[in-house]
Amino acid sequence: MTAPRNQSTDSPAVLRGGLPDRYLTPEDLVTMFSLPSVETVYAWRRKRIGPPAIRVGKYLRYDPSAVHAWAREQTERNAA
């Protein structure tokens, strides 16, 4: 008989070193923020004004928590 799994240490995120279950694509950001096109996301990256991205091979991916933190920061900055 095997011992029951410890839910606090065996969750998928913990097993992957705290990485998110799914990274966001530029297309996901277009949908989230109702942007006109994916080119807006790429322009943000070129101008270094958008959320931080990581490159996985030839693809850009975004950590959901970093995107949410960036969005909160933008909201606070615009409210000030």
N, C-alpha and C. Protein backbone atom coordinates (compact mmCIF):
# COMPACT_ATOMS: atom_id res chain seq x y z
N MET A 1 0.84 -1.17 0.00
CA MET A 1 0.00 0.00 0.00
C MET A 1 0.90 1.24 0.00
N THR A 2 0.54 2.23 -0.80
CA THR A 2 1.33 3.46 -0.85
C THR A 2 0.77 4.50 0.11
N ALA A 3 1.64 5.37 0.53
CA ALA A 3 1.22 6.45 1.44
C ALA A 3 0.45 7.50 0.64
N PRO A 4 -0.52 8.18 1.27
CA PRO A 4 -1.26 9.22 0.55
C PRO A 4 -0.33 10.35 0.14
N ARG A 5 -0.63 10.94 -0.99
CA ARG A 5 0.19 12.04 -1.50
C ARG A 5 -0.05 13.28 -0.68
N ASN A 6 0.99 14.00 -0.42
CA ASN A 6 0.88 15.26 0.31
C ASN A 6 0.48 16.34 -0.67
N GLN A 7 -0.72 16.87 -0.54
CA GLN A 7 -1.25 17.86 -1.47
C GLN A 7 -0.42 19.13 -1.51
N SER A 8 0.17 19.54 -0.39
CA SER A 8 0.90 20.81 -0.36
C SER A 8 2.22 20.74 -1.10
N THR A 9 2.83 19.56 -1.21
CA THR A 9 4.12 19.47 -1.89
C THR A 9 4.07 18.74 -3.21
N ASP A 10 2.95 18.07 -3.52
CA ASP A 10 2.87 17.32 -4.76
C ASP A 10 2.02 17.99 -5.83
N SER A 11 1.64 19.24 -5.64
CA SER A 11 0.84 19.90 -6.67
C SER A 11 1.70 20.08 -7.91
N PRO A 12 1.09 20.14 -9.09
CA PRO A 12 1.87 20.26 -10.32
C PRO A 12 2.80 21.47 -10.33
N ALA A 13 2.36 22.62 -9.78
CA ALA A 13 3.21 23.81 -9.78
C ALA A 13 4.45 23.60 -8.91
N VAL A 14 4.28 22.93 -7.77
CA VAL A 14 5.42 22.69 -6.89
C VAL A 14 6.38 21.72 -7.56
N LEU A 15 5.85 20.71 -8.20
CA LEU A 15 6.70 19.73 -8.87
C LEU A 15 7.48 20.35 -10.01
N ARG A 16 6.97 21.42 -10.60
CA ARG A 16 7.68 22.11 -11.69
C ARG A 16 8.46 23.31 -11.15
N GLY A 17 8.72 23.34 -9.88
CA GLY A 17 9.52 24.42 -9.32
C GLY A 17 8.77 25.74 -9.24
N GLY A 18 7.46 25.71 -9.08
CA GLY A 18 6.68 26.93 -8.96
C GLY A 18 6.31 27.58 -10.27
N LEU A 19 6.55 26.91 -11.38
CA LEU A 19 6.20 27.47 -12.68
C LEU A 19 4.70 27.41 -12.90
N PRO A 20 4.14 28.34 -13.65
CA PRO A 20 2.69 28.30 -13.90
C PRO A 20 2.30 27.10 -14.76
N ASP A 21 1.04 26.73 -14.68
CA ASP A 21 0.54 25.61 -15.49
C ASP A 21 0.61 25.94 -16.97
N ARG A 22 0.40 27.19 -17.32
CA ARG A 22 0.37 27.59 -18.72
C ARG A 22 0.87 29.01 -18.85
N TYR A 23 1.79 29.23 -19.77
CA TYR A 23 2.24 30.58 -20.07
C TYR A 23 1.31 31.20 -21.11
N LEU A 24 1.20 32.52 -21.09
CA LEU A 24 0.32 33.21 -22.02
C LEU A 24 1.07 33.53 -23.31
N THR A 25 0.34 33.54 -24.40
CA THR A 25 0.89 33.90 -25.71
C THR A 25 0.56 35.36 -25.99
N PRO A 26 1.21 35.97 -27.00
CA PRO A 26 0.83 37.32 -27.39
C PRO A 26 -0.66 37.40 -27.77
N GLU A 27 -1.18 36.37 -28.37
CA GLU A 27 -2.60 36.34 -28.74
C GLU A 27 -3.49 36.37 -27.50
N ASP A 28 -3.04 35.72 -26.42
CA ASP A 28 -3.79 35.76 -25.16
C ASP A 28 -3.87 37.20 -24.63
N LEU A 29 -2.76 37.94 -24.75
CA LEU A 29 -2.76 39.33 -24.29
C LEU A 29 -3.70 40.19 -25.12
N VAL A 30 -3.76 39.93 -26.42
CA VAL A 30 -4.70 40.66 -27.29
C VAL A 30 -6.13 40.45 -26.78
N THR A 31 -6.46 39.22 -26.44
CA THR A 31 -7.80 38.91 -25.94
C THR A 31 -8.03 39.53 -24.57
N MET A 32 -7.07 39.39 -23.66
CA MET A 32 -7.22 39.89 -22.29
C MET A 32 -7.46 41.39 -22.24
N PHE A 33 -6.70 42.13 -23.07
CA PHE A 33 -6.73 43.59 -23.00
C PHE A 33 -7.50 44.23 -24.15
N SER A 34 -8.18 43.43 -24.95
CA SER A 34 -8.95 43.92 -26.11
C SER A 34 -8.10 44.83 -27.00
N LEU A 35 -6.94 44.34 -27.34
CA LEU A 35 -6.02 45.10 -28.19
C LEU A 35 -6.41 44.95 -29.66
N PRO A 36 -6.02 45.92 -30.50
CA PRO A 36 -6.39 45.84 -31.92
C PRO A 36 -5.75 44.66 -32.65
N SER A 37 -4.48 44.33 -32.29
CA SER A 37 -3.81 43.22 -32.97
C SER A 37 -2.62 42.76 -32.15
N VAL A 38 -2.06 41.65 -32.56
CA VAL A 38 -0.87 41.12 -31.90
C VAL A 38 0.33 42.05 -32.13
N GLU A 39 0.28 42.85 -33.17
CA GLU A 39 1.36 43.80 -33.43
C GLU A 39 1.51 44.80 -32.29
N THR A 40 0.43 45.10 -31.59
CA THR A 40 0.50 46.00 -30.43
C THR A 40 1.36 45.37 -29.34
N VAL A 41 1.20 44.09 -29.11
CA VAL A 41 2.00 43.39 -28.11
C VAL A 41 3.47 43.42 -28.51
N TYR A 42 3.76 43.18 -29.78
CA TYR A 42 5.14 43.20 -30.25
C TYR A 42 5.73 44.61 -30.15
N ALA A 43 4.92 45.63 -30.41
CA ALA A 43 5.39 47.02 -30.28
C ALA A 43 5.71 47.34 -28.82
N TRP A 44 4.85 46.86 -27.89
CA TRP A 44 5.14 47.06 -26.47
C TRP A 44 6.50 46.47 -26.12
N ARG A 45 6.78 45.29 -26.64
CA ARG A 45 8.06 44.63 -26.34
C ARG A 45 9.22 45.43 -26.90
N ARG A 46 9.08 45.88 -28.15
CA ARG A 46 10.16 46.67 -28.76
C ARG A 46 10.42 47.95 -27.97
N LYS A 47 9.35 48.59 -27.49
CA LYS A 47 9.47 49.85 -26.75
C LYS A 47 9.74 49.64 -25.26
N ARG A 48 9.72 48.36 -24.84
CA ARG A 48 9.93 47.99 -23.43
C ARG A 48 8.91 48.64 -22.50
N ILE A 49 7.64 48.64 -22.93
CA ILE A 49 6.60 49.23 -22.10
C ILE A 49 5.53 48.21 -21.69
N GLY A 50 5.60 47.01 -22.22
CA GLY A 50 4.61 45.99 -21.90
C GLY A 50 5.07 45.08 -20.78
N PRO A 51 4.30 44.05 -20.51
CA PRO A 51 4.69 43.09 -19.47
C PRO A 51 5.95 42.33 -19.89
N PRO A 52 6.73 41.89 -18.91
CA PRO A 52 7.95 41.14 -19.25
C PRO A 52 7.62 39.82 -19.93
N ALA A 53 8.38 39.51 -20.96
CA ALA A 53 8.17 38.27 -21.72
C ALA A 53 9.43 37.42 -21.64
N ILE A 54 9.25 36.15 -21.87
CA ILE A 54 10.40 35.25 -22.02
C ILE A 54 10.32 34.63 -23.40
N ARG A 55 11.47 34.31 -23.93
CA ARG A 55 11.51 33.69 -25.24
C ARG A 55 11.72 32.19 -25.04
N VAL A 56 10.85 31.41 -25.66
CA VAL A 56 10.97 29.96 -25.65
C VAL A 56 11.16 29.57 -27.11
N GLY A 57 12.42 29.33 -27.46
CA GLY A 57 12.72 29.10 -28.87
C GLY A 57 12.44 30.37 -29.64
N LYS A 58 11.59 30.29 -30.64
CA LYS A 58 11.25 31.48 -31.42
C LYS A 58 9.96 32.15 -30.94
N TYR A 59 9.38 31.65 -29.85
CA TYR A 59 8.09 32.13 -29.37
C TYR A 59 8.22 33.01 -28.13
N LEU A 60 7.35 34.01 -28.02
CA LEU A 60 7.25 34.82 -26.81
C LEU A 60 6.18 34.22 -25.92
N ARG A 61 6.49 34.16 -24.64
CA ARG A 61 5.52 33.68 -23.66
C ARG A 61 5.55 34.62 -22.46
N TYR A 62 4.40 34.70 -21.78
CA TYR A 62 4.24 35.60 -20.65
C TYR A 62 3.78 34.82 -19.43
N ASP A 63 4.42 35.09 -18.30
CA ASP A 63 4.01 34.50 -17.04
C ASP A 63 2.72 35.21 -16.61
N PRO A 64 1.64 34.46 -16.36
CA PRO A 64 0.38 35.12 -15.99
C PRO A 64 0.49 36.03 -14.78
N SER A 65 1.27 35.65 -13.78
CA SER A 65 1.39 36.50 -12.60
C SER A 65 2.13 37.80 -12.93
N ALA A 66 3.11 37.75 -13.83
CA ALA A 66 3.82 38.96 -14.25
C ALA A 66 2.89 39.88 -15.05
N VAL A 67 2.04 39.30 -15.87
CA VAL A 67 1.08 40.10 -16.65
C VAL A 67 0.09 40.79 -15.71
N HIS A 68 -0.41 40.06 -14.73
CA HIS A 68 -1.36 40.65 -13.79
C HIS A 68 -0.68 41.75 -12.96
N ALA A 69 0.56 41.53 -12.54
CA ALA A 69 1.29 42.55 -11.78
C ALA A 69 1.51 43.79 -12.64
N TRP A 70 1.85 43.60 -13.91
CA TRP A 70 2.05 44.72 -14.82
C TRP A 70 0.74 45.49 -15.02
N ALA A 71 -0.35 44.77 -15.17
CA ALA A 71 -1.65 45.42 -15.36
C ALA A 71 -2.04 46.23 -14.12
N ARG A 72 -1.79 45.68 -12.92
CA ARG A 72 -2.06 46.42 -11.68
C ARG A 72 -1.22 47.69 -11.61
N GLU A 73 0.05 47.56 -11.97
CA GLU A 73 0.97 48.70 -11.96
C GLU A 73 0.46 49.79 -12.91
N GLN A 74 0.01 49.39 -14.09
CA GLN A 74 -0.50 50.37 -15.06
C GLN A 74 -1.76 51.05 -14.53
N THR A 75 -2.62 50.29 -13.88
CA THR A 75 -3.85 50.84 -13.32
C THR A 75 -3.52 51.86 -12.22
N GLU A 76 -2.58 51.50 -11.34
CA GLU A 76 -2.19 52.40 -10.26
C GLU A 76 -1.51 53.65 -10.81
N ARG A 77 -0.69 53.47 -11.83
CA ARG A 77 0.01 54.61 -12.43
C ARG A 77 -0.99 55.57 -13.07
N ASN A 78 -1.99 55.04 -13.74
CA ASN A 78 -3.00 55.88 -14.40
C ASN A 78 -3.93 56.54 -13.40
N ALA A 79 -4.12 55.92 -12.23
CA ALA A 79 -5.00 56.49 -11.20
C ALA A 79 -4.32 57.63 -10.44
N ALA A 80 -3.00 57.63 -10.44
CA ALA A 80 -2.26 58.65 -9.67
C ALA A 80 -2.25 60.00 -10.36
